[in-house]
Amino acid sequence: MFGVTLWEMFTYGQEPWVGLNGSQILHKIDKEGEQLPRPEDCPQDIYNVMLQCWAHKPEDRPTFLALRDFLLEAQPTDMRALQDFEEPDKLLIQMNDIITVIE
């Protein structure tokens, strides 16, 4: 479930497996080996975590402690603006601008 939640976050709320019911989704996953694709704005290391979360064997999935530790260290450095931002005396940002985060 957490892997799908991450996927939804990086697709900005898209619905996974849209139009399919629960049994159809399970068939695609279990019988066809289908996985959700990497979202366009998702870093590869985050997608790798999603793939780990979707492992068929529960013992192959990361624990929440491991997920927490990973996410605390894996902060994206590039982000895409989802909307325009314009305020007096502030940097102008236009939708789809790539913003590099520097700590």
C-alpha atoms as a PDB file:
ATOM      1  CA  MET A   1       0.000   0.000   0.000  1.00  0.00           C
ATOM      2  CA  PHE A   2       2.773   2.476   0.836  1.00  0.00           C
ATOM      3  CA  GLY A   3       4.326   2.041  -2.604  1.00  0.00           C
ATOM      4  CA  VAL A   4       1.009   2.942  -4.224  1.00  0.00           C
ATOM      5  CA  THR A   5       0.674   5.947  -1.917  1.00  0.00           C
ATOM      6  CA  LEU A   6       4.123   7.130  -3.022  1.00  0.00           C
ATOM      7  CA  TRP A   7       3.099   6.589  -6.645  1.00  0.00           C
ATOM      8  CA  GLU A   8      -0.042   8.690  -6.120  1.00  0.00           C
ATOM      9  CA  MET A   9       2.040  11.461  -4.545  1.00  0.00           C
ATOM     10  CA  PHE A  10       4.501  11.599  -7.447  1.00  0.00           C
ATOM     11  CA  THR A  11       1.688  11.535 -10.037  1.00  0.00           C
ATOM     12  CA  TYR A  12       0.000  14.427  -8.220  1.00  0.00           C
ATOM     13  CA  GLY A  13      -3.021  12.345  -7.286  1.00  0.00           C
ATOM     14  CA  GLN A  14      -3.629  10.192 -10.351  1.00  0.00           C
ATOM     15  CA  GLU A  15      -5.668   7.070  -9.735  1.00  0.00           C
ATOM     16  CA  PRO A  16      -3.685   3.849 -10.202  1.00  0.00           C
ATOM     17  CA  TRP A  17      -5.198   1.202 -12.471  1.00  0.00           C
ATOM     18  CA  VAL A  18      -8.055   3.526 -13.388  1.00  0.00           C
ATOM     19  CA  GLY A  19     -11.141   1.712 -14.648  1.00  0.00           C
ATOM     20  CA  LEU A  20     -10.187  -1.668 -13.172  1.00  0.00           C
ATOM     21  CA  ASN A  21     -11.874  -3.413 -10.259  1.00  0.00           C
ATOM     22  CA  GLY A  22     -10.004  -5.138  -7.443  1.00  0.00           C
ATOM     23  CA  SER A  23      -9.917  -8.592  -9.030  1.00  0.00           C
ATOM     24  CA  GLN A  24      -8.704  -7.163 -12.355  1.00  0.00           C
ATOM     25  CA  ILE A  25      -5.925  -5.292 -10.556  1.00  0.00           C
ATOM     26  CA  LEU A  26      -4.863  -8.453  -8.697  1.00  0.00           C
ATOM     27  CA  HIS A  27      -4.846 -10.400 -11.972  1.00  0.00           C
ATOM     28  CA  LYS A  28      -2.608  -7.793 -13.624  1.00  0.00           C
ATOM     29  CA  ILE A  29      -0.211  -7.833 -10.672  1.00  0.00           C
ATOM     30  CA  ASP A  30      -0.165 -11.561  -9.853  1.00  0.00           C
ATOM     31  CA  LYS A  31      -0.656 -13.158 -13.277  1.00  0.00           C
ATOM     32  CA  GLU A  32       0.802 -10.580 -15.669  1.00  0.00           C
ATOM     33  CA  GLY A  33       3.486  -9.164 -13.362  1.00  0.00           C
ATOM     34  CA  GLU A  34       2.351  -5.620 -14.062  1.00  0.00           C
ATOM     35  CA  GLN A  35       3.676  -2.761 -11.965  1.00  0.00           C
ATOM     36  CA  LEU A  36       2.793   0.894 -12.028  1.00  0.00           C
ATOM     37  CA  PRO A  37       5.183   2.882 -14.243  1.00  0.00           C
ATOM     38  CA  ARG A  38       7.681   5.368 -12.820  1.00  0.00           C
ATOM     39  CA  PRO A  39       5.993   8.767 -12.604  1.00  0.00           C
ATOM     40  CA  GLU A  40       7.629  11.428 -14.761  1.00  0.00           C
ATOM     41  CA  ASP A  41       8.690  13.563 -11.801  1.00  0.00           C
ATOM     42  CA  CYS A  42       9.755  10.674  -9.571  1.00  0.00           C
ATOM     43  CA  PRO A  43      13.478  10.201  -8.895  1.00  0.00           C
ATOM     44  CA  GLN A  44      14.726   6.711  -9.733  1.00  0.00           C
ATOM     45  CA  ASP A  45      15.723   5.972  -6.117  1.00  0.00           C
ATOM     46  CA  ILE A  46      12.173   6.703  -4.927  1.00  0.00           C
ATOM     47  CA  TYR A  47      10.767   4.478  -7.679  1.00  0.00           C
ATOM     48  CA  ASN A  48      13.154   1.734  -6.568  1.00  0.00           C
ATOM     49  CA  VAL A  49      11.563   1.961  -3.110  1.00  0.00           C
ATOM     50  CA  MET A  50       8.124   1.634  -4.716  1.00  0.00           C
ATOM     51  CA  LEU A  51       9.298  -1.503  -6.508  1.00  0.00           C
ATOM     52  CA  GLN A  52      10.619  -2.913  -3.224  1.00  0.00           C
ATOM     53  CA  CYS A  53       7.249  -2.201  -1.572  1.00  0.00           C
ATOM     54  CA  TRP A  54       5.530  -4.153  -4.352  1.00  0.00           C
ATOM     55  CA  ALA A  55       7.631  -7.294  -3.871  1.00  0.00           C
ATOM     56  CA  HIS A  56       5.418 -10.408  -3.868  1.00  0.00           C
ATOM     57  CA  LYS A  57       7.028 -11.885  -0.754  1.00  0.00           C
ATOM     58  CA  PRO A  58       6.360  -9.786   2.367  1.00  0.00           C
ATOM     59  CA  GLU A  59       9.846 -10.562   3.720  1.00  0.00           C
ATOM     60  CA  ASP A  60      11.316  -8.863   0.622  1.00  0.00           C
ATOM     61  CA  ARG A  61       9.477  -5.597   1.343  1.00  0.00           C
ATOM     62  CA  PRO A  62      11.121  -2.818   3.384  1.00  0.00           C
ATOM     63  CA  THR A  63      10.014  -2.249   6.959  1.00  0.00           C
ATOM     64  CA  PHE A  64       8.489   1.087   7.893  1.00  0.00           C
ATOM     65  CA  LEU A  65      11.622   1.831   9.904  1.00  0.00           C
ATOM     66  CA  ALA A  66      13.732   1.303   6.770  1.00  0.00           C
ATOM     67  CA  LEU A  67      11.306   3.441   4.741  1.00  0.00           C
ATOM     68  CA  ARG A  68      11.452   6.220   7.311  1.00  0.00           C
ATOM     69  CA  ASP A  69      15.244   6.190   7.347  1.00  0.00           C
ATOM     70  CA  PHE A  70      15.410   6.244   3.552  1.00  0.00           C
ATOM     71  CA  LEU A  71      12.898   9.072   3.172  1.00  0.00           C
ATOM     72  CA  LEU A  72      14.646  11.205   5.781  1.00  0.00           C
ATOM     73  CA  GLU A  73      17.793  11.076   3.655  1.00  0.00           C
ATOM     74  CA  ALA A  74      16.260  11.087   0.164  1.00  0.00           C
ATOM     75  CA  GLN A  75      15.108  14.620  -0.376  1.00  0.00           C
ATOM     76  CA  PRO A  76      14.531  15.532  -4.014  1.00  0.00           C
ATOM     77  CA  THR A  77      16.900  18.178  -5.348  1.00  0.00           C
ATOM     78  CA  ASP A  78      14.856  19.082  -8.432  1.00  0.00           C
ATOM     79  CA  MET A  79      11.156  19.835  -8.417  1.00  0.00           C
ATOM     80  CA  ARG A  80       8.726  21.020 -11.063  1.00  0.00           C
ATOM     81  CA  ALA A  81       6.380  23.940 -10.375  1.00  0.00           C
ATOM     82  CA  LEU A  82       2.739  22.892 -10.638  1.00  0.00           C
ATOM     83  CA  GLN A  83       1.431  26.434 -10.958  1.00  0.00           C
ATOM     84  CA  ASP A  84       2.593  29.989 -11.487  1.00  0.00           C
ATOM     85  CA  PHE A  85       3.815  31.910  -8.450  1.00  0.00           C
ATOM     86  CA  GLU A  86       4.079  35.669  -8.556  1.00  0.00           C
ATOM     87  CA  GLU A  87       4.325  37.977  -5.568  1.00  0.00           C
ATOM     88  CA  PRO A  88       5.978  41.364  -5.212  1.00  0.00           C
ATOM     89  CA  ASP A  89       9.646  41.117  -4.178  1.00  0.00           C
ATOM     90  CA  LYS A  90       9.636  37.330  -4.692  1.00  0.00           C
ATOM     91  CA  LEU A  91      11.158  35.157  -7.377  1.00  0.00           C
ATOM     92  CA  LEU A  92       8.774  34.662 -10.303  1.00  0.00           C
ATOM     93  CA  ILE A  93       8.013  30.990 -10.908  1.00  0.00           C
ATOM     94  CA  GLN A  94       6.062  29.751 -13.892  1.00  0.00           C
ATOM     95  CA  MET A  95       4.292  26.435 -14.209  1.00  0.00           C
ATOM     96  CA  ASN A  96       6.667  23.616 -15.261  1.00  0.00           C
ATOM     97  CA  ASP A  97       9.780  25.528 -14.170  1.00  0.00           C
ATOM     98  CA  ILE A  98      12.379  23.183 -12.700  1.00  0.00           C
ATOM     99  CA  ILE A  99      13.446  24.335  -9.241  1.00  0.00           C
ATOM    100  CA  THR A 100      16.701  23.059  -7.757  1.00  0.00           C
ATOM    101  CA  VAL A 101      16.672  22.799  -3.968  1.00  0.00           C
ATOM    102  CA  ILE A 102      19.939  23.766  -2.281  1.00  0.00           C
ATOM    103  CA  GLU A 103      20.310  23.323   1.451  1.00  0.00           C
END
